[in-house]
Each structure stands twice: as C-alpha cells, then as structure tokens.
Amino acid sequence: MGERIKHIRAEQKLTLEKLSERVGISRNFLWEIEDGRKAPALSTLCGICRELNVSADYLLGFSPVCGRAESDGGQTMRKICEIIDTLDENEKTMLHELLITYKSIVK
C-alpha cells in the first residue's frame, strides 16, 4: 500500500508535506505509511484516497488498476468515506477485519 501511495503522490507532484496537510496527518506519519512501517486508520485511508483520487481497492492491493474516480468526480469515494466517518471504533475495526478477510479470499 505504501509504495502505491508514494507512486501516485509522486505522479501528482505532491510533496509529503502537502498530502499530509490535506489528509490531516503529520508528514512523519505519512512517510511511515509509505515506508510500510505503519498502517493508516480507515478514516486516514479514506482521506488519502480522496486526496489522491484513487480507489481504496487499488491502494489495498485488491485491484491492479488505479481506479481513479474521474467518471463521477470522486463522488463514490466521498460517499464511502462519509459512511466510514459515521462508524464507531468497533465498527471500523470490524470493517477492517472484513477487508483483510476479503483480500485473503480474493487472492
């Protein structure tokens, strides 16, 4: 995931500082995500997807295609992020576990 974030960020000529500011996280935390040292919370992942205009499927490795939301102007990703933002921590943890399980099955 980190390599994909780094690649898309560089492709869009965004610095670590600029993307981290837009997402609302520290530059160092974004660097750790890109380096594979840390995993983002779902809300942070949504923010990264929204700012880079890419699908979470792509960043999480579910899809080899970038999945940019150009056709709908990013509306789908915004709706997904809005739903995730309404979840409490237990629900976010369950969703995260479901995504991990899904990824292991789809391989």
PDB file of N, CA and C in Angstrom:
ATOM      1  N   MET A   1       0.819  -1.186   0.000  1.00  0.00           N
ATOM      2  CA  MET A   1       0.000   0.000   0.000  1.00  0.00           C
ATOM      3  C   MET A   1       0.866   1.254   0.000  1.00  0.00           C
ATOM      4  N   GLY A   2       1.885   1.256   0.819  1.00  0.00           N
ATOM      5  CA  GLY A   2       2.732   2.438   0.922  1.00  0.00           C
ATOM      6  C   GLY A   2       3.403   2.802  -0.388  1.00  0.00           C
ATOM      7  N   GLU A   3       3.867   1.788  -1.101  1.00  0.00           N
ATOM      8  CA  GLU A   3       4.516   2.039  -2.396  1.00  0.00           C
ATOM      9  C   GLU A   3       3.531   2.648  -3.385  1.00  0.00           C
ATOM     10  N   ARG A   4       2.303   2.184  -3.357  1.00  0.00           N
ATOM     11  CA  ARG A   4       1.289   2.724  -4.271  1.00  0.00           C
ATOM     12  C   ARG A   4       0.959   4.164  -3.927  1.00  0.00           C
ATOM     13  N   ILE A   5       0.845   4.463  -2.643  1.00  0.00           N
ATOM     14  CA  ILE A   5       0.585   5.838  -2.225  1.00  0.00           C
ATOM     15  C   ILE A   5       1.733   6.729  -2.687  1.00  0.00           C
ATOM     16  N   LYS A   6       2.948   6.290  -2.425  1.00  0.00           N
ATOM     17  CA  LYS A   6       4.131   7.066  -2.796  1.00  0.00           C
ATOM     18  C   LYS A   6       4.189   7.299  -4.303  1.00  0.00           C
ATOM     19  N   HIS A   7       3.898   6.252  -5.077  1.00  0.00           N
ATOM     20  CA  HIS A   7       3.942   6.363  -6.533  1.00  0.00           C
ATOM     21  C   HIS A   7       2.914   7.382  -7.040  1.00  0.00           C
ATOM     22  N   ILE A   8       1.675   7.266  -6.583  1.00  0.00           N
ATOM     23  CA  ILE A   8       0.624   8.184  -7.036  1.00  0.00           C
ATOM     24  C   ILE A   8       0.918   9.603  -6.563  1.00  0.00           C
ATOM     25  N   ARG A   9       1.385   9.750  -5.336  1.00  0.00           N
ATOM     26  CA  ARG A   9       1.717  11.080  -4.818  1.00  0.00           C
ATOM     27  C   ARG A   9       2.790  11.735  -5.682  1.00  0.00           C
ATOM     28  N   ALA A  10       3.834  10.968  -6.016  1.00  0.00           N
ATOM     29  CA  ALA A  10       4.916  11.496  -6.847  1.00  0.00           C
ATOM     30  C   ALA A  10       4.412  11.816  -8.254  1.00  0.00           C
ATOM     31  N   GLU A  11       3.569  10.936  -8.775  1.00  0.00           N
ATOM     32  CA  GLU A  11       2.989  11.151 -10.108  1.00  0.00           C
ATOM     33  C   GLU A  11       2.214  12.460 -10.164  1.00  0.00           C
ATOM     34  N   GLN A  12       1.547  12.792  -9.066  1.00  0.00           N
ATOM     35  CA  GLN A  12       0.755  14.023  -8.990  1.00  0.00           C
ATOM     36  C   GLN A  12       1.578  15.220  -8.504  1.00  0.00           C
ATOM     37  N   LYS A  13       2.881  14.983  -8.325  1.00  0.00           N
ATOM     38  CA  LYS A  13       3.814  16.027  -7.892  1.00  0.00           C
ATOM     39  C   LYS A  13       3.400  16.670  -6.565  1.00  0.00           C
ATOM     40  N   LEU A  14       2.945  15.798  -5.647  1.00  0.00           N
ATOM     41  CA  LEU A  14       2.602  16.245  -4.300  1.00  0.00           C
ATOM     42  C   LEU A  14       3.733  15.883  -3.351  1.00  0.00           C
ATOM     43  N   THR A  15       4.118  16.795  -2.514  1.00  0.00           N
ATOM     44  CA  THR A  15       5.134  16.511  -1.505  1.00  0.00           C
ATOM     45  C   THR A  15       4.480  15.779  -0.332  1.00  0.00           C
ATOM     46  N   LEU A  16       5.316  15.152   0.481  1.00  0.00           N
ATOM     47  CA  LEU A  16       4.810  14.542   1.718  1.00  0.00           C
ATOM     48  C   LEU A  16       4.071  15.585   2.551  1.00  0.00           C
ATOM     49  N   GLU A  17       4.647  16.782   2.625  1.00  0.00           N
ATOM     50  CA  GLU A  17       4.062  17.849   3.427  1.00  0.00           C
ATOM     51  C   GLU A  17       2.672  18.222   2.927  1.00  0.00           C
ATOM     52  N   LYS A  18       2.549  18.387   1.614  1.00  0.00           N
ATOM     53  CA  LYS A  18       1.273  18.834   1.050  1.00  0.00           C
ATOM     54  C   LYS A  18       0.184  17.782   1.231  1.00  0.00           C
ATOM     55  N   LEU A  19       0.501  16.516   0.916  1.00  0.00           N
ATOM     56  CA  LEU A  19      -0.511  15.474   1.060  1.00  0.00           C
ATOM     57  C   LEU A  19      -0.878  15.269   2.524  1.00  0.00           C
ATOM     58  N   SER A  20       0.105  15.245   3.397  1.00  0.00           N
ATOM     59  CA  SER A  20      -0.194  15.034   4.820  1.00  0.00           C
ATOM     60  C   SER A  20      -1.061  16.167   5.357  1.00  0.00           C
ATOM     61  N   GLU A  21      -0.799  17.388   4.902  1.00  0.00           N
ATOM     62  CA  GLU A  21      -1.605  18.539   5.322  1.00  0.00           C
ATOM     63  C   GLU A  21      -3.050  18.381   4.843  1.00  0.00           C
ATOM     64  N   ARG A  22      -3.226  17.978   3.604  1.00  0.00           N
ATOM     65  CA  ARG A  22      -4.572  17.798   3.037  1.00  0.00           C
ATOM     66  C   ARG A  22      -5.343  16.686   3.746  1.00  0.00           C
ATOM     67  N   VAL A  23      -4.633  15.637   4.147  1.00  0.00           N
ATOM     68  CA  VAL A  23      -5.276  14.493   4.802  1.00  0.00           C
ATOM     69  C   VAL A  23      -5.492  14.757   6.291  1.00  0.00           C
ATOM     70  N   GLY A  24      -4.679  15.643   6.864  1.00  0.00           N
ATOM     71  CA  GLY A  24      -4.807  15.957   8.287  1.00  0.00           C
ATOM     72  C   GLY A  24      -3.979  15.062   9.184  1.00  0.00           C
ATOM     73  N   ILE A  25      -2.833  14.618   8.663  1.00  0.00           N
ATOM     74  CA  ILE A  25      -1.910  13.799   9.450  1.00  0.00           C
ATOM     75  C   ILE A  25      -0.525  14.432   9.386  1.00  0.00           C
ATOM     76  N   SER A  26       0.375  13.957  10.214  1.00  0.00           N
ATOM     77  CA  SER A  26       1.721  14.519  10.198  1.00  0.00           C
ATOM     78  C   SER A  26       2.506  13.996   9.002  1.00  0.00           C
ATOM     79  N   ARG A  27       3.480  14.764   8.580  1.00  0.00           N
ATOM     80  CA  ARG A  27       4.356  14.378   7.481  1.00  0.00           C
ATOM     81  C   ARG A  27       5.061  13.066   7.821  1.00  0.00           C
ATOM     82  N   ASN A  28       5.518  12.965   9.073  1.00  0.00           N
ATOM     83  CA  ASN A  28       6.237  11.772   9.506  1.00  0.00           C
ATOM     84  C   ASN A  28       5.351  10.528   9.457  1.00  0.00           C
ATOM     85  N   PHE A  29       4.084  10.660   9.857  1.00  0.00           N
ATOM     86  CA  PHE A  29       3.177   9.521   9.819  1.00  0.00           C
ATOM     87  C   PHE A  29       2.937   9.073   8.375  1.00  0.00           C
ATOM     88  N   LEU A  30       2.765  10.029   7.455  1.00  0.00           N
ATOM     89  CA  LEU A  30       2.593   9.675   6.049  1.00  0.00           C
ATOM     90  C   LEU A  30       3.837   8.970   5.519  1.00  0.00           C
ATOM     91  N   TRP A  31       4.990   9.449   5.902  1.00  0.00           N
ATOM     92  CA  TRP A  31       6.238   8.791   5.490  1.00  0.00           C
ATOM     93  C   TRP A  31       6.276   7.354   6.008  1.00  0.00           C
ATOM     94  N   GLU A  32       5.867   7.146   7.262  1.00  0.00           N
ATOM     95  CA  GLU A  32       5.855   5.797   7.837  1.00  0.00           C
ATOM     96  C   GLU A  32       4.863   4.885   7.116  1.00  0.00           C
ATOM     97  N   ILE A  33       3.737   5.445   6.678  1.00  0.00           N
ATOM     98  CA  ILE A  33       2.768   4.668   5.900  1.00  0.00           C
ATOM     99  C   ILE A  33       3.398   4.275   4.570  1.00  0.00           C
ATOM    100  N   GLU A  34       3.995   5.236   3.885  1.00  0.00           N
ATOM    101  CA  GLU A  34       4.619   4.959   2.595  1.00  0.00           C
ATOM    102  C   GLU A  34       5.777   3.964   2.720  1.00  0.00           C
ATOM    103  N   ASP A  35       6.461   4.012   3.829  1.00  0.00           N
ATOM    104  CA  ASP A  35       7.599   3.125   4.053  1.00  0.00           C
ATOM    105  C   ASP A  35       7.171   1.737   4.559  1.00  0.00           C
ATOM    106  N   GLY A  36       5.878   1.565   4.825  1.00  0.00           N
ATOM    107  CA  GLY A  36       5.375   0.279   5.299  1.00  0.00           C
ATOM    108  C   GLY A  36       5.566   0.038   6.775  1.00  0.00           C
ATOM    109  N   ARG A  37       5.946   1.056   7.496  1.00  0.00           N
ATOM    110  CA  ARG A  37       6.167   0.909   8.932  1.00  0.00           C
ATOM    111  C   ARG A  37       4.877   0.987   9.746  1.00  0.00           C
ATOM    112  N   LYS A  38       3.889   1.717   9.230  1.00  0.00           N
ATOM    113  CA  LYS A  38       2.620   1.889   9.935  1.00  0.00           C
ATOM    114  C   LYS A  38       1.474   1.741   8.949  1.00  0.00           C
ATOM    115  N   ALA A  39       0.312   1.379   9.488  1.00  0.00           N
ATOM    116  CA  ALA A  39      -0.907   1.277   8.684  1.00  0.00           C
ATOM    117  C   ALA A  39      -1.852   2.408   9.097  1.00  0.00           C
ATOM    118  N   PRO A  40      -2.505   3.015   8.124  1.00  0.00           N
ATOM    119  CA  PRO A  40      -3.423   4.102   8.462  1.00  0.00           C
ATOM    120  C   PRO A  40      -4.750   3.584   8.997  1.00  0.00           C
ATOM    121  N   ALA A  41      -5.402   4.397   9.793  1.00  0.00           N
ATOM    122  CA  ALA A  41      -6.779   4.108  10.199  1.00  0.00           C
ATOM    123  C   ALA A  41      -7.655   4.219   8.959  1.00  0.00           C
ATOM    124  N   LEU A  42      -8.835   3.632   9.002  1.00  0.00           N
ATOM    125  CA  LEU A  42      -9.728   3.685   7.845  1.00  0.00           C
ATOM    126  C   LEU A  42     -10.050   5.114   7.436  1.00  0.00           C
ATOM    127  N   SER A  43     -10.279   5.986   8.400  1.00  0.00           N
ATOM    128  CA  SER A  43     -10.590   7.377   8.056  1.00  0.00           C
ATOM    129  C   SER A  43      -9.404   8.048   7.374  1.00  0.00           C
ATOM    130  N   THR A  44      -8.185   7.708   7.796  1.00  0.00           N
ATOM    131  CA  THR A  44      -6.989   8.254   7.162  1.00  0.00           C
ATOM    132  C   THR A  44      -6.838   7.691   5.758  1.00  0.00           C
ATOM    133  N   LEU A  45      -7.083   6.398   5.601  1.00  0.00           N
ATOM    134  CA  LEU A  45      -7.029   5.781   4.280  1.00  0.00           C
ATOM    135  C   LEU A  45      -8.021   6.449   3.341  1.00  0.00           C
ATOM    136  N   CYS A  46      -9.221   6.709   3.838  1.00  0.00           N
ATOM    137  CA  CYS A  46     -10.222   7.400   3.013  1.00  0.00           C
ATOM    138  C   CYS A  46      -9.737   8.785   2.604  1.00  0.00           C
ATOM    139  N   GLY A  47      -9.125   9.485   3.535  1.00  0.00           N
ATOM    140  CA  GLY A  47      -8.600  10.811   3.219  1.00  0.00           C
ATOM    141  C   GLY A  47      -7.520  10.748   2.153  1.00  0.00           C
ATOM    142  N   ILE A  48      -6.650   9.759   2.239  1.00  0.00           N
ATOM    143  CA  ILE A  48      -5.589   9.592   1.242  1.00  0.00           C
ATOM    144  C   ILE A  48      -6.213   9.281  -0.113  1.00  0.00           C
ATOM    145  N   CYS A  49      -7.178   8.365  -0.135  1.00  0.00           N
ATOM    146  CA  CYS A  49      -7.858   8.021  -1.390  1.00  0.00           C
ATOM    147  C   CYS A  49      -8.534   9.249  -1.990  1.00  0.00           C
ATOM    148  N   ARG A  50      -9.210   9.994  -1.152  1.00  0.00           N
ATOM    149  CA  ARG A  50      -9.921  11.183  -1.617  1.00  0.00           C
ATOM    150  C   ARG A  50      -8.944  12.191  -2.211  1.00  0.00           C
ATOM    151  N   GLU A  51      -7.852  12.456  -1.507  1.00  0.00           N
ATOM    152  CA  GLU A  51      -6.898  13.474  -1.975  1.00  0.00           C
ATOM    153  C   GLU A  51      -6.122  13.033  -3.210  1.00  0.00           C
ATOM    154  N   LEU A  52      -5.852  11.730  -3.323  1.00  0.00           N
ATOM    155  CA  LEU A  52      -5.121  11.234  -4.500  1.00  0.00           C
ATOM    156  C   LEU A  52      -6.066  10.829  -5.633  1.00  0.00           C
ATOM    157  N   ASN A  53      -7.374  10.827  -5.338  1.00  0.00           N
ATOM    158  CA  ASN A  53      -8.400  10.446  -6.310  1.00  0.00           C
ATOM    159  C   ASN A  53      -8.148   9.034  -6.845  1.00  0.00           C
ATOM    160  N   VAL A  54      -7.931   8.099  -5.920  1.00  0.00           N
ATOM    161  CA  VAL A  54      -7.742   6.691  -6.263  1.00  0.00           C
ATOM    162  C   VAL A  54      -8.676   5.843  -5.406  1.00  0.00           C
ATOM    163  N   SER A  55      -8.911   4.635  -5.861  1.00  0.00           N
ATOM    164  CA  SER A  55      -9.778   3.747  -5.101  1.00  0.00           C
ATOM    165  C   SER A  55      -9.003   3.082  -3.966  1.00  0.00           C
ATOM    166  N   ALA A  56      -9.718   2.750  -2.916  1.00  0.00           N
ATOM    167  CA  ALA A  56      -9.108   2.004  -1.818  1.00  0.00           C
ATOM    168  C   ALA A  56      -8.727   0.605  -2.289  1.00  0.00           C
ATOM    169  N   ASP A  57      -9.503   0.053  -3.225  1.00  0.00           N
ATOM    170  CA  ASP A  57      -9.172  -1.260  -3.789  1.00  0.00           C
ATOM    171  C   ASP A  57      -7.753  -1.267  -4.347  1.00  0.00           C
ATOM    172  N   TYR A  58      -7.414  -0.218  -5.052  1.00  0.00           N
ATOM    173  CA  TYR A  58      -6.077  -0.134  -5.641  1.00  0.00           C
ATOM    174  C   TYR A  58      -5.012  -0.032  -4.547  1.00  0.00           C
ATOM    175  N   LEU A  59      -5.204   0.892  -3.600  1.00  0.00           N
ATOM    176  CA  LEU A  59      -4.193   1.079  -2.561  1.00  0.00           C
ATOM    177  C   LEU A  59      -4.024  -0.156  -1.692  1.00  0.00           C
ATOM    178  N   LEU A  60      -5.115  -0.894  -1.463  1.00  0.00           N
ATOM    179  CA  LEU A  60      -5.051  -2.083  -0.620  1.00  0.00           C
ATOM    180  C   LEU A  60      -4.598  -3.329  -1.377  1.00  0.00           C
ATOM    181  N   GLY A  61      -4.411  -3.194  -2.674  1.00  0.00           N
ATOM    182  CA  GLY A  61      -3.925  -4.317  -3.461  1.00  0.00           C
ATOM    183  C   GLY A  61      -5.012  -5.228  -3.998  1.00  0.00           C
ATOM    184  N   PHE A  62      -6.280  -4.832  -3.875  1.00  0.00           N
ATOM    185  CA  PHE A  62      -7.369  -5.644  -4.409  1.00  0.00           C
ATOM    186  C   PHE A  62      -7.451  -5.537  -5.922  1.00  0.00           C
ATOM    187  N   SER A  63      -6.962  -4.427  -6.455  1.00  0.00           N
ATOM    188  CA  SER A  63      -7.073  -4.178  -7.884  1.00  0.00           C
ATOM    189  C   SER A  63      -5.737  -3.685  -8.426  1.00  0.00           C
ATOM    190  N   PRO A  64      -5.325  -4.211  -9.574  1.00  0.00           N
ATOM    191  CA  PRO A  64      -4.088  -3.721 -10.184  1.00  0.00           C
ATOM    192  C   PRO A  64      -4.299  -2.394 -10.916  1.00  0.00           C
ATOM    193  N   VAL A  65      -5.573  -2.013 -11.063  1.00  0.00           N
ATOM    194  CA  VAL A  65      -5.913  -0.784 -11.770  1.00  0.00           C
ATOM    195  C   VAL A  65      -6.119   0.317 -10.751  1.00  0.00           C
ATOM    196  N   CYS A  66      -5.613   1.486 -11.068  1.00  0.00           N
ATOM    197  CA  CYS A  66      -5.637   2.620 -10.154  1.00  0.00           C
ATOM    198  C   CYS A  66      -7.053   2.989  -9.719  1.00  0.00           C
ATOM    199  N   GLY A  67      -8.009   2.878 -10.602  1.00  0.00           N
ATOM    200  CA  GLY A  67      -9.402   3.127 -10.232  1.00  0.00           C
ATOM    201  C   GLY A  67      -9.709   4.552  -9.892  1.00  0.00           C
ATOM    202  N   ARG A  68      -9.121   5.458 -10.596  1.00  0.00           N
ATOM    203  CA  ARG A  68      -9.413   6.867 -10.333  1.00  0.00           C
ATOM    204  C   ARG A  68     -10.871   7.159 -10.615  1.00  0.00           C
ATOM    205  N   ALA A  69     -11.431   7.939  -9.765  1.00  0.00           N
ATOM    206  CA  ALA A  69     -12.867   8.210  -9.837  1.00  0.00           C
ATOM    207  C   ALA A  69     -13.160   9.401 -10.740  1.00  0.00           C
ATOM    208  N   GLU A  70     -12.596   9.401 -11.920  1.00  0.00           N
ATOM    209  CA  GLU A  70     -12.776  10.531 -12.819  1.00  0.00           C
ATOM    210  C   GLU A  70     -14.192  10.589 -13.376  1.00  0.00           C
ATOM    211  N   SER A  71     -14.799   9.448 -13.613  1.00  0.00           N
ATOM    212  CA  SER A  71     -16.116   9.429 -14.238  1.00  0.00           C
ATOM    213  C   SER A  71     -17.180  10.076 -13.360  1.00  0.00           C
ATOM    214  N   ASP A  72     -17.048   9.972 -12.053  1.00  0.00           N
ATOM    215  CA  ASP A  72     -18.049  10.573 -11.174  1.00  0.00           C
ATOM    216  C   ASP A  72     -17.469  11.706 -10.329  1.00  0.00           C
ATOM    217  N   GLY A  73     -16.295  12.168 -10.697  1.00  0.00           N
ATOM    218  CA  GLY A  73     -15.682  13.288  -9.983  1.00  0.00           C
ATOM    219  C   GLY A  73     -15.310  12.972  -8.546  1.00  0.00           C
ATOM    220  N   GLY A  74     -15.150  11.707  -8.228  1.00  0.00           N
ATOM    221  CA  GLY A  74     -14.774  11.323  -6.877  1.00  0.00           C
ATOM    222  C   GLY A  74     -15.956  11.154  -5.930  1.00  0.00           C
ATOM    223  N   GLN A  75     -17.179  11.223  -6.466  1.00  0.00           N
ATOM    224  CA  GLN A  75     -18.367  11.131  -5.622  1.00  0.00           C
ATOM    225  C   GLN A  75     -18.465   9.791  -4.887  1.00  0.00           C
ATOM    226  N   THR A  76     -18.147   8.703  -5.574  1.00  0.00           N
ATOM    227  CA  THR A  76     -18.236   7.390  -4.943  1.00  0.00           C
ATOM    228  C   THR A  76     -17.300   7.305  -3.747  1.00  0.00           C
ATOM    229  N   MET A  77     -16.048   7.746  -3.929  1.00  0.00           N
ATOM    230  CA  MET A  77     -15.088   7.697  -2.830  1.00  0.00           C
ATOM    231  C   MET A  77     -15.540   8.593  -1.678  1.00  0.00           C
ATOM    232  N   ARG A  78     -16.074   9.751  -1.981  1.00  0.00           N
ATOM    233  CA  ARG A  78     -16.557  10.643  -0.919  1.00  0.00           C
ATOM    234  C   ARG A  78     -17.692   9.980  -0.137  1.00  0.00           C
ATOM    235  N   LYS A  79     -18.599   9.303  -0.840  1.00  0.00           N
ATOM    236  CA  LYS A  79     -19.716   8.635  -0.163  1.00  0.00           C
ATOM    237  C   LYS A  79     -19.219   7.521   0.747  1.00  0.00           C
ATOM    238  N   ILE A  80     -18.249   6.753   0.260  1.00  0.00           N
ATOM    239  CA  ILE A  80     -17.672   5.678   1.079  1.00  0.00           C
ATOM    240  C   ILE A  80     -17.029   6.266   2.332  1.00  0.00           C
ATOM    241  N   CYS A  81     -16.271   7.330   2.146  1.00  0.00           N
ATOM    242  CA  CYS A  81     -15.602   7.967   3.292  1.00  0.00           C
ATOM    243  C   CYS A  81     -16.607   8.543   4.276  1.00  0.00           C
ATOM    244  N   GLU A  82     -17.690   9.109   3.769  1.00  0.00           N
ATOM    245  CA  GLU A  82     -18.725   9.645   4.655  1.00  0.00           C
ATOM    246  C   GLU A  82     -19.333   8.537   5.512  1.00  0.00           C
ATOM    247  N   ILE A  83     -19.562   7.387   4.903  1.00  0.00           N
ATOM    248  CA  ILE A  83     -20.116   6.253   5.659  1.00  0.00           C
ATOM    249  C   ILE A  83     -19.124   5.799   6.728  1.00  0.00           C
ATOM    250  N   ILE A  84     -17.864   5.659   6.359  1.00  0.00           N
ATOM    251  CA  ILE A  84     -16.848   5.214   7.318  1.00  0.00           C
ATOM    252  C   ILE A  84     -16.717   6.210   8.460  1.00  0.00           C
ATOM    253  N   ASP A  85     -16.821   7.496   8.151  1.00  0.00           N
ATOM    254  CA  ASP A  85     -16.713   8.519   9.193  1.00  0.00           C
ATOM    255  C   ASP A  85     -17.827   8.410  10.234  1.00  0.00           C
ATOM    256  N   THR A  86     -18.959   7.801   9.872  1.00  0.00           N
ATOM    257  CA  THR A  86     -20.071   7.669  10.827  1.00  0.00           C
ATOM    258  C   THR A  86     -19.926   6.445  11.730  1.00  0.00           C
ATOM    259  N   LEU A  87     -18.993   5.553  11.416  1.00  0.00           N
ATOM    260  CA  LEU A  87     -18.816   4.332  12.194  1.00  0.00           C
ATOM    261  C   LEU A  87     -18.080   4.606  13.500  1.00  0.00           C
ATOM    262  N   ASP A  88     -18.435   3.862  14.535  1.00  0.00           N
ATOM    263  CA  ASP A  88     -17.662   3.974  15.778  1.00  0.00           C
ATOM    264  C   ASP A  88     -16.413   3.094  15.642  1.00  0.00           C
ATOM    265  N   GLU A  89     -15.547   3.139  16.626  1.00  0.00           N
ATOM    266  CA  GLU A  89     -14.265   2.422  16.535  1.00  0.00           C
ATOM    267  C   GLU A  89     -14.444   0.914  16.388  1.00  0.00           C
ATOM    268  N   ASN A  90     -15.417   0.338  17.087  1.00  0.00           N
ATOM    269  CA  ASN A  90     -15.668  -1.104  16.957  1.00  0.00           C
ATOM    270  C   ASN A  90     -16.109  -1.459  15.542  1.00  0.00           C
ATOM    271  N   GLU A  91     -16.985  -0.641  14.972  1.00  0.00           N
ATOM    272  CA  GLU A  91     -17.450  -0.894  13.611  1.00  0.00           C
ATOM    273  C   GLU A  91     -16.310  -0.744  12.597  1.00  0.00           C
ATOM    274  N   LYS A  92     -15.448   0.227  12.817  1.00  0.00           N
ATOM    275  CA  LYS A  92     -14.293   0.407  11.929  1.00  0.00           C
ATOM    276  C   LYS A  92     -13.350  -0.790  12.031  1.00  0.00           C
ATOM    277  N   THR A  93     -13.168  -1.291  13.237  1.00  0.00           N
ATOM    278  CA  THR A  93     -12.323  -2.476  13.427  1.00  0.00           C
ATOM    279  C   THR A  93     -12.927  -3.680  12.711  1.00  0.00           C
ATOM    280  N   MET A  94     -14.231  -3.858  12.825  1.00  0.00           N
ATOM    281  CA  MET A  94     -14.896  -4.964  12.146  1.00  0.00           C
ATOM    282  C   MET A  94     -14.781  -4.831  10.635  1.00  0.00           C
ATOM    283  N   LEU A  95     -14.962  -3.623  10.117  1.00  0.00           N
ATOM    284  CA  LEU A  95     -14.835  -3.400   8.681  1.00  0.00           C
ATOM    285  C   LEU A  95     -13.415  -3.703   8.216  1.00  0.00           C
ATOM    286  N   HIS A  96     -12.446  -3.278   8.989  1.00  0.00           N
ATOM    287  CA  HIS A  96     -11.047  -3.549   8.666  1.00  0.00           C
ATOM    288  C   HIS A  96     -10.800  -5.054   8.601  1.00  0.00           C
ATOM    289  N   GLU A  97     -11.302  -5.790   9.573  1.00  0.00           N
ATOM    290  CA  GLU A  97     -11.144  -7.247   9.591  1.00  0.00           C
ATOM    291  C   GLU A  97     -11.842  -7.902   8.397  1.00  0.00           C
ATOM    292  N   LEU A  98     -13.016  -7.384   8.039  1.00  0.00           N
ATOM    293  CA  LEU A  98     -13.725  -7.900   6.870  1.00  0.00           C
ATOM    294  C   LEU A  98     -12.913  -7.676   5.591  1.00  0.00           C
ATOM    295  N   LEU A  99     -12.312  -6.502   5.473  1.00  0.00           N
ATOM    296  CA  LEU A  99     -11.497  -6.210   4.292  1.00  0.00           C
ATOM    297  C   LEU A  99     -10.269  -7.131   4.217  1.00  0.00           C
ATOM    298  N   ILE A 100      -9.649  -7.386   5.348  1.00  0.00           N
ATOM    299  CA  ILE A 100      -8.499  -8.284   5.376  1.00  0.00           C
ATOM    300  C   ILE A 100      -8.932  -9.701   4.971  1.00  0.00           C
ATOM    301  N   THR A 101     -10.061 -10.148   5.506  1.00  0.00           N
ATOM    302  CA  THR A 101     -10.577 -11.464   5.160  1.00  0.00           C
ATOM    303  C   THR A 101     -10.918 -11.533   3.675  1.00  0.00           C
ATOM    304  N   TYR A 102     -11.578 -10.502   3.176  1.00  0.00           N
ATOM    305  CA  TYR A 102     -11.931 -10.450   1.764  1.00  0.00           C
ATOM    306  C   TYR A 102     -10.682 -10.527   0.892  1.00  0.00           C
ATOM    307  N   LYS A 103      -9.677  -9.768   1.259  1.00  0.00           N
ATOM    308  CA  LYS A 103      -8.439  -9.760   0.464  1.00  0.00           C
ATOM    309  C   LYS A 103      -7.797 -11.143   0.446  1.00  0.00           C
ATOM    310  N   SER A 104      -7.811 -11.842   1.571  1.00  0.00           N
ATOM    311  CA  SER A 104      -7.188 -13.163   1.618  1.00  0.00           C
ATOM    312  C   SER A 104      -7.964 -14.179   0.786  1.00  0.00           C
ATOM    313  N   ILE A 105      -9.263 -13.998   0.671  1.00  0.00           N
ATOM    314  CA  ILE A 105     -10.096 -14.912  -0.124  1.00  0.00           C
ATOM    315  C   ILE A 105      -9.958 -14.639  -1.615  1.00  0.00           C
ATOM    316  N   VAL A 106      -9.889 -13.369  -1.977  1.00  0.00           N
ATOM    317  CA  VAL A 106      -9.872 -12.967  -3.390  1.00  0.00           C
ATOM    318  C   VAL A 106      -8.552 -13.280  -4.065  1.00  0.00           C
ATOM    319  N   LYS A 107      -7.470 -13.357  -3.311  1.00  0.00           N
ATOM    320  CA  LYS A 107      -6.148 -13.633  -3.902  1.00  0.00           C
ATOM    321  C   LYS A 107      -6.255 -14.787  -4.826  1.00  0.00           C
TER     322      LYS A 107
END
